[in-house]
Amino acid sequence: MLTTTAAPDLVVQVRDASKTYGPTCALTGVHLDVRAGDIVGVVGHNGAGKSTLVRLLAGIEPTDTGSVTVAGRTKPVHGGFPGARMAYQ
């Protein structure tokens, strides 16, 4: 059963997401709304949490706290959210 928790035009919703790796805090309290048609860029210094954020958005890694909703799904299937892909460059 699919539970929709986001507004209809939201394709991505992040609420109070945090992620740590051992003693390293990669993300703290992230909030993000992406609506259909939005173009989003993520920039920052090395170690700022860009790749961690994208891994959370793709469903490759779970949040420690908070939630990530993609296309109405709050739980990614095995391997990530359907249709989400990530490439390193």
N, C-alpha and C. Protein backbone atom coordinates (compact mmCIF):
# COMPACT_ATOMS: atom_id res chain seq x y z
N MET A 1 0.84 -1.18 0.00
CA MET A 1 0.00 0.00 0.00
C MET A 1 0.88 1.23 0.00
N LEU A 2 0.56 2.20 -0.82
CA LEU A 2 1.33 3.44 -0.93
C LEU A 2 0.67 4.51 -0.08
N THR A 3 1.44 5.10 0.81
CA THR A 3 0.92 6.17 1.65
C THR A 3 1.54 7.48 1.19
N THR A 4 0.71 8.41 0.78
CA THR A 4 1.20 9.71 0.34
C THR A 4 1.18 10.66 1.52
N THR A 5 2.36 11.19 1.85
CA THR A 5 2.47 12.10 2.98
C THR A 5 2.79 13.52 2.54
N ALA A 6 3.16 13.70 1.28
CA ALA A 6 3.56 15.01 0.79
C ALA A 6 2.43 15.64 -0.01
N ALA A 7 2.48 16.97 -0.18
CA ALA A 7 1.52 17.67 -1.02
C ALA A 7 1.62 17.14 -2.44
N PRO A 8 0.54 17.18 -3.22
CA PRO A 8 0.53 16.56 -4.55
C PRO A 8 1.62 17.04 -5.50
N ASP A 9 2.01 18.32 -5.43
CA ASP A 9 3.03 18.82 -6.37
C ASP A 9 4.45 18.59 -5.87
N LEU A 10 4.62 18.08 -4.65
CA LEU A 10 5.95 17.80 -4.13
C LEU A 10 6.41 16.43 -4.62
N VAL A 11 7.58 16.38 -5.23
CA VAL A 11 8.13 15.09 -5.64
C VAL A 11 9.19 14.62 -4.65
N VAL A 12 9.80 15.55 -3.93
CA VAL A 12 10.76 15.21 -2.88
C VAL A 12 10.48 16.09 -1.67
N GLN A 13 10.43 15.46 -0.51
CA GLN A 13 10.26 16.21 0.73
C GLN A 13 11.21 15.63 1.78
N VAL A 14 12.05 16.47 2.34
CA VAL A 14 12.98 16.06 3.39
C VAL A 14 12.64 16.86 4.64
N ARG A 15 12.50 16.17 5.75
CA ARG A 15 12.16 16.81 7.01
C ARG A 15 13.11 16.39 8.11
N ASP A 16 13.87 17.37 8.61
CA ASP A 16 14.75 17.20 9.77
C ASP A 16 15.67 15.99 9.64
N ALA A 17 16.19 15.77 8.43
CA ALA A 17 17.06 14.61 8.18
C ALA A 17 18.47 14.84 8.73
N SER A 18 18.98 13.83 9.39
CA SER A 18 20.34 13.85 9.92
C SER A 18 21.02 12.54 9.60
N LYS A 19 22.34 12.60 9.43
CA LYS A 19 23.13 11.39 9.16
C LYS A 19 24.51 11.56 9.77
N THR A 20 24.95 10.54 10.49
CA THR A 20 26.29 10.54 11.06
C THR A 20 27.02 9.27 10.64
N TYR A 21 28.32 9.37 10.60
CA TYR A 21 29.20 8.22 10.36
C TYR A 21 30.17 8.19 11.53
N GLY A 22 29.90 7.33 12.50
CA GLY A 22 30.73 7.32 13.70
C GLY A 22 30.64 8.68 14.37
N PRO A 23 31.79 9.30 14.68
CA PRO A 23 31.77 10.60 15.34
C PRO A 23 31.53 11.77 14.36
N THR A 24 31.49 11.49 13.07
CA THR A 24 31.36 12.56 12.07
C THR A 24 29.90 12.81 11.74
N CYS A 25 29.46 14.05 11.95
CA CYS A 25 28.09 14.45 11.62
C CYS A 25 28.09 15.00 10.20
N ALA A 26 27.53 14.23 9.26
CA ALA A 26 27.53 14.64 7.86
C ALA A 26 26.39 15.61 7.55
N LEU A 27 25.21 15.38 8.12
CA LEU A 27 24.05 16.24 7.91
C LEU A 27 23.30 16.40 9.22
N THR A 28 22.75 17.58 9.44
CA THR A 28 21.96 17.83 10.64
C THR A 28 20.74 18.68 10.28
N GLY A 29 19.55 18.17 10.57
CA GLY A 29 18.33 18.94 10.45
C GLY A 29 18.01 19.48 9.06
N VAL A 30 18.23 18.68 8.03
CA VAL A 30 18.00 19.14 6.66
C VAL A 30 16.50 19.16 6.35
N HIS A 31 16.04 20.25 5.76
CA HIS A 31 14.68 20.40 5.26
C HIS A 31 14.79 20.79 3.79
N LEU A 32 14.01 20.11 2.93
CA LEU A 32 14.07 20.38 1.50
C LEU A 32 12.74 20.01 0.86
N ASP A 33 12.21 20.89 0.01
CA ASP A 33 11.04 20.59 -0.80
C ASP A 33 11.43 20.76 -2.25
N VAL A 34 11.13 19.77 -3.08
CA VAL A 34 11.36 19.85 -4.51
C VAL A 34 10.03 19.56 -5.19
N ARG A 35 9.57 20.52 -5.98
CA ARG A 35 8.30 20.37 -6.68
C ARG A 35 8.54 19.95 -8.12
N ALA A 36 7.54 19.38 -8.73
CA ALA A 36 7.61 18.98 -10.14
C ALA A 36 8.06 20.17 -10.97
N GLY A 37 9.07 19.96 -11.81
CA GLY A 37 9.60 21.02 -12.67
C GLY A 37 10.75 21.81 -12.07
N ASP A 38 11.02 21.66 -10.77
CA ASP A 38 12.15 22.36 -10.14
C ASP A 38 13.47 21.80 -10.66
N ILE A 39 14.45 22.67 -10.73
CA ILE A 39 15.83 22.27 -11.02
C ILE A 39 16.63 22.65 -9.79
N VAL A 40 17.33 21.67 -9.22
CA VAL A 40 18.04 21.88 -7.96
C VAL A 40 19.52 21.60 -8.15
N GLY A 41 20.35 22.49 -7.66
CA GLY A 41 21.79 22.28 -7.63
C GLY A 41 22.25 22.18 -6.19
N VAL A 42 23.22 21.32 -5.93
CA VAL A 42 23.78 21.17 -4.59
C VAL A 42 25.26 21.50 -4.68
N VAL A 43 25.68 22.53 -3.95
CA VAL A 43 27.08 22.95 -3.96
C VAL A 43 27.59 23.05 -2.53
N GLY A 44 28.89 22.93 -2.38
CA GLY A 44 29.50 23.05 -1.06
C GLY A 44 30.93 22.57 -1.08
N HIS A 45 31.63 22.87 -0.02
CA HIS A 45 33.03 22.47 0.12
C HIS A 45 33.13 20.96 0.28
N ASN A 46 34.33 20.43 0.12
CA ASN A 46 34.58 19.02 0.40
C ASN A 46 34.15 18.71 1.83
N GLY A 47 33.43 17.62 2.00
CA GLY A 47 33.00 17.22 3.33
C GLY A 47 31.76 17.94 3.84
N ALA A 48 31.11 18.72 2.98
CA ALA A 48 29.94 19.48 3.41
C ALA A 48 28.67 18.63 3.52
N GLY A 49 28.67 17.42 2.94
CA GLY A 49 27.51 16.55 3.02
C GLY A 49 26.71 16.42 1.74
N LYS A 50 27.25 16.92 0.63
CA LYS A 50 26.54 16.86 -0.66
C LYS A 50 26.24 15.43 -1.08
N SER A 51 27.25 14.59 -1.10
CA SER A 51 27.06 13.20 -1.52
C SER A 51 26.16 12.45 -0.54
N THR A 52 26.29 12.74 0.73
CA THR A 52 25.43 12.11 1.73
C THR A 52 23.98 12.49 1.48
N LEU A 53 23.71 13.75 1.21
CA LEU A 53 22.35 14.20 0.91
C LEU A 53 21.79 13.46 -0.30
N VAL A 54 22.57 13.35 -1.35
CA VAL A 54 22.10 12.69 -2.57
C VAL A 54 21.86 11.20 -2.31
N ARG A 55 22.70 10.57 -1.50
CA ARG A 55 22.47 9.15 -1.16
C ARG A 55 21.16 8.98 -0.38
N LEU A 56 20.85 9.92 0.50
CA LEU A 56 19.58 9.87 1.22
C LEU A 56 18.42 10.07 0.26
N LEU A 57 18.55 11.02 -0.66
CA LEU A 57 17.49 11.30 -1.63
C LEU A 57 17.25 10.12 -2.57
N ALA A 58 18.31 9.40 -2.90
CA ALA A 58 18.18 8.24 -3.79
C ALA A 58 17.68 7.01 -3.03
N GLY A 59 17.71 7.06 -1.70
CA GLY A 59 17.28 5.92 -0.91
C GLY A 59 18.35 4.87 -0.74
N ILE A 60 19.58 5.23 -1.06
CA ILE A 60 20.69 4.29 -0.93
C ILE A 60 21.08 4.09 0.52
N GLU A 61 20.93 5.16 1.32
CA GLU A 61 21.21 5.09 2.76
C GLU A 61 20.02 5.64 3.52
N PRO A 62 19.76 5.11 4.71
CA PRO A 62 18.67 5.65 5.53
C PRO A 62 19.13 6.86 6.33
N THR A 63 18.20 7.69 6.73
CA THR A 63 18.51 8.78 7.65
C THR A 63 18.68 8.21 9.05
N ASP A 64 19.46 8.90 9.88
CA ASP A 64 19.51 8.54 11.29
C ASP A 64 18.27 9.09 12.00
N THR A 65 17.89 10.31 11.65
CA THR A 65 16.67 10.93 12.16
C THR A 65 15.98 11.64 11.00
N GLY A 66 14.72 11.95 11.18
CA GLY A 66 13.97 12.66 10.16
C GLY A 66 13.46 11.73 9.07
N SER A 67 12.99 12.33 7.98
CA SER A 67 12.40 11.52 6.92
C SER A 67 12.72 12.08 5.54
N VAL A 68 12.70 11.19 4.56
CA VAL A 68 12.84 11.53 3.14
C VAL A 68 11.66 10.88 2.43
N THR A 69 10.90 11.68 1.70
CA THR A 69 9.77 11.18 0.93
C THR A 69 10.02 11.49 -0.53
N VAL A 70 9.97 10.47 -1.38
CA VAL A 70 10.18 10.63 -2.81
C VAL A 70 8.98 10.03 -3.53
N ALA A 71 8.29 10.86 -4.31
CA ALA A 71 7.11 10.43 -5.06
C ALA A 71 6.09 9.74 -4.15
N GLY A 72 5.93 10.28 -2.94
CA GLY A 72 4.95 9.74 -2.00
C GLY A 72 5.41 8.57 -1.17
N ARG A 73 6.59 8.06 -1.42
CA ARG A 73 7.11 6.90 -0.67
C ARG A 73 8.11 7.38 0.39
N THR A 74 7.92 6.86 1.59
CA THR A 74 8.85 7.20 2.66
C THR A 74 9.83 6.08 2.93
N LYS A 75 9.57 4.91 2.37
CA LYS A 75 10.48 3.78 2.54
C LYS A 75 10.98 3.34 1.16
N PRO A 76 12.28 3.43 0.92
CA PRO A 76 12.79 2.97 -0.38
C PRO A 76 12.71 1.45 -0.48
N VAL A 77 12.56 0.95 -1.68
CA VAL A 77 12.63 -0.49 -1.91
C VAL A 77 14.09 -0.88 -1.97
N HIS A 78 14.37 -2.18 -2.07
CA HIS A 78 15.76 -2.65 -2.13
C HIS A 78 16.50 -1.91 -3.25
N GLY A 79 17.61 -1.28 -2.93
CA GLY A 79 18.41 -0.57 -3.92
C GLY A 79 18.05 0.89 -4.08
N GLY A 80 17.05 1.40 -3.34
CA GLY A 80 16.71 2.81 -3.40
C GLY A 80 15.28 3.06 -3.84
N PHE A 81 14.94 4.34 -3.99
CA PHE A 81 13.60 4.71 -4.44
C PHE A 81 13.47 4.39 -5.92
N PRO A 82 12.30 3.90 -6.36
CA PRO A 82 12.10 3.60 -7.78
C PRO A 82 12.37 4.82 -8.66
N GLY A 83 13.17 4.64 -9.69
CA GLY A 83 13.48 5.72 -10.63
C GLY A 83 14.62 6.62 -10.20
N ALA A 84 15.08 6.51 -8.96
CA ALA A 84 16.19 7.36 -8.47
C ALA A 84 17.51 6.72 -8.84
N ARG A 85 18.40 7.51 -9.38
CA ARG A 85 19.74 7.04 -9.77
C ARG A 85 20.77 8.03 -9.26
N MET A 86 21.98 7.55 -9.05
CA MET A 86 23.07 8.40 -8.58
C MET A 86 24.33 8.05 -9.33
N ALA A 87 25.02 9.07 -9.81
CA ALA A 87 26.30 8.87 -10.52
C ALA A 87 27.34 9.79 -9.88
N TYR A 88 28.54 9.29 -9.72
CA TYR A 88 29.64 10.09 -9.18
C TYR A 88 30.46 10.63 -10.35
N GLN A 89 30.84 11.89 -10.27
CA GLN A 89 31.69 12.48 -11.32
C GLN A 89 32.86 13.20 -10.70
